Amino acid sequence: MKYTLSVALVVATAGGAMAHDVTVDKCGASLVFETEPERQVVHDMNMTDMAFALGLQDKIVGLTGISGWYKTSPDFDTLRGDTPELAPKYPVVENLVAVEPDLFLAGWHYGMKPGGDVTTDTLVPFGIKRMILTES
């Protein structure tokens, strides 16, 4: 499952033009990308490290859930550059909507959680796609 999800992340978010729609199986639900996500918000250190490993820094418009829980390394800070942290712990919908992302990458129960402000349903009205990982 981790391999499949890693491949899906590369296909859905790696640089370059997409010749056709890409559909990612996200825990049994389909997530369709008609175009490559250009404005991404990433939650949590693990997700951010994955995005950095894929070279997505130029597409990340904000981070959440970093300084409220973690101390960053000089390497992380270099890769992060001037990307703003929108919330030190959990984001609220307003944090995300303010930077107009087309993708929010987070984990379930960290980043998004039942009863939290940011859920798969609360982002739908704003056209923000959600890539939610249950294991990372």
Protein backbone atom coordinates (compact mmCIF):
# COMPACT_ATOMS: atom_id res chain seq x y z
CA MET A 1 0.00 0.00 0.00
CA LYS A 2 2.79 2.44 0.85
CA TYR A 3 4.43 1.75 -2.53
CA THR A 4 1.17 2.37 -4.39
CA LEU A 5 0.58 5.59 -2.49
CA SER A 6 4.14 6.78 -3.14
CA VAL A 7 3.71 6.15 -6.86
CA ALA A 8 0.37 7.97 -6.77
CA LEU A 9 1.95 10.98 -5.08
CA VAL A 10 4.69 11.14 -7.69
CA VAL A 11 2.22 10.90 -10.56
CA ALA A 12 -0.21 13.39 -9.05
CA THR A 13 2.26 16.02 -7.92
CA ALA A 14 5.54 15.69 -9.81
CA GLY A 15 6.66 18.43 -12.15
CA GLY A 16 5.85 18.51 -15.84
CA ALA A 17 2.73 18.77 -17.93
CA MET A 18 0.09 16.08 -17.61
CA ALA A 19 -0.95 14.48 -20.89
CA HIS A 20 -4.25 13.26 -19.42
CA ASP A 21 -6.24 13.07 -16.20
CA VAL A 22 -4.64 11.14 -13.36
CA THR A 23 -6.83 9.19 -10.94
CA VAL A 24 -5.42 8.26 -7.55
CA ASP A 25 -7.05 5.59 -5.41
CA LYS A 26 -7.18 7.17 -2.00
CA CYS A 27 -8.24 4.42 0.41
CA GLY A 28 -11.00 3.27 -1.90
CA ALA A 29 -12.09 6.74 -3.04
CA SER A 30 -10.97 8.16 -6.36
CA LEU A 31 -9.23 11.52 -6.53
CA VAL A 32 -8.99 12.84 -10.10
CA PHE A 33 -6.43 15.43 -11.15
CA GLU A 34 -7.34 17.11 -14.43
CA THR A 35 -4.29 19.34 -14.13
CA GLU A 36 -1.13 19.23 -12.08
CA PRO A 37 -1.59 20.86 -8.65
CA GLU A 38 0.24 24.19 -8.68
CA ARG A 39 -0.59 25.60 -5.22
CA GLN A 40 -0.22 23.10 -2.40
CA VAL A 41 -0.45 23.32 1.37
CA VAL A 42 1.27 20.51 3.25
CA HIS A 43 0.59 19.54 6.87
CA ASP A 44 3.05 17.90 9.26
CA MET A 45 6.76 17.18 9.07
CA ASN A 46 6.39 13.71 7.49
CA MET A 47 4.23 15.00 4.65
CA THR A 48 6.50 17.99 4.14
CA ASP A 49 9.59 15.77 3.99
CA MET A 50 7.87 13.66 1.31
CA ALA A 51 6.94 16.76 -0.69
CA PHE A 52 10.50 18.09 -0.41
CA ALA A 53 11.90 14.70 -1.51
CA LEU A 54 9.71 15.00 -4.62
CA GLY A 55 11.13 18.48 -5.31
CA LEU A 56 7.79 20.25 -4.87
CA GLN A 57 9.07 23.33 -3.01
CA ASP A 58 8.13 25.68 -5.84
CA LYS A 59 4.51 24.45 -5.68
CA ILE A 60 4.07 24.69 -1.89
CA VAL A 61 2.32 27.91 -0.85
CA GLY A 62 2.09 27.09 2.84
CA LEU A 63 2.89 24.62 5.58
CA THR A 64 0.94 23.78 8.72
CA GLY A 65 1.70 21.74 11.81
CA ILE A 66 5.44 22.23 11.95
CA SER A 67 6.65 24.61 14.70
CA GLY A 68 3.88 23.68 17.15
CA TRP A 69 5.23 20.15 17.46
CA TYR A 70 8.70 19.97 15.96
CA LYS A 71 12.11 21.59 15.96
CA THR A 72 13.34 21.94 12.42
CA SER A 73 16.81 21.13 11.19
CA PRO A 74 19.01 23.47 9.16
CA ASP A 75 18.45 21.17 6.14
CA PHE A 76 14.68 21.42 6.54
CA ASP A 77 14.88 25.20 6.87
CA THR A 78 16.98 25.43 3.70
CA LEU A 79 14.51 23.30 1.74
CA ARG A 80 11.59 25.28 3.15
CA GLY A 81 13.04 28.60 2.07
CA ASP A 82 10.49 31.38 2.53
CA THR A 83 7.41 29.14 2.45
CA PRO A 84 5.13 30.48 5.21
CA GLU A 85 3.78 28.40 8.05
CA LEU A 86 0.05 29.09 8.08
CA ALA A 87 -0.59 27.48 11.48
CA PRO A 88 1.87 26.03 14.03
CA LYS A 89 -0.43 23.09 14.79
CA TYR A 90 -3.78 22.33 13.13
CA PRO A 91 -4.95 24.65 10.36
CA VAL A 92 -8.41 26.14 10.19
CA VAL A 93 -10.31 26.51 6.93
CA GLU A 94 -9.50 30.24 6.80
CA ASN A 95 -5.73 29.51 6.89
CA LEU A 96 -6.05 27.33 3.84
CA VAL A 97 -8.54 29.38 1.84
CA ALA A 98 -6.41 32.52 2.30
CA VAL A 99 -3.58 31.10 0.14
CA GLU A 100 -5.91 29.63 -2.52
CA PRO A 101 -4.43 26.13 -2.72
CA ASP A 102 -5.59 23.55 -5.21
CA LEU A 103 -4.33 20.68 -3.01
CA PHE A 104 -4.07 20.04 0.74
CA LEU A 105 -1.76 17.14 1.63
CA ALA A 106 -2.28 15.81 5.14
CA GLY A 107 -2.67 12.68 7.18
CA TRP A 108 -5.88 11.42 8.71
CA HIS A 109 -5.91 12.06 12.48
CA TYR A 110 -3.06 14.51 12.02
CA GLY A 111 -3.95 17.39 9.77
CA MET A 112 -7.52 16.25 9.37
CA LYS A 113 -9.51 14.55 12.06
CA PRO A 114 -13.14 13.75 12.83
CA GLY A 115 -14.77 16.81 14.36
CA GLY A 116 -11.89 19.09 13.41
CA ASP A 117 -12.24 22.38 11.55
CA VAL A 118 -10.54 21.00 8.45
CA THR A 119 -12.09 17.81 7.08
CA THR A 120 -12.61 16.43 3.62
CA ASP A 121 -16.11 17.92 3.64
CA THR A 122 -15.20 21.43 4.85
CA LEU A 123 -12.77 21.99 1.97
CA VAL A 124 -15.10 20.86 -0.84
CA PRO A 125 -16.94 24.22 -1.19
CA PHE A 126 -13.61 25.94 -1.84
CA GLY A 127 -12.49 23.57 -4.59
CA ILE A 128 -9.48 22.35 -2.59
CA LYS A 129 -8.59 18.74 -3.40
CA ARG A 130 -7.46 16.66 -0.47
CA MET A 131 -4.76 14.02 -0.53
CA ILE A 132 -5.19 12.29 2.80
CA LEU A 133 -2.79 9.58 3.83
CA THR A 134 -3.78 7.08 6.45
CA GLU A 135 -0.22 5.75 6.69
CA SER A 136 2.95 7.69 6.04
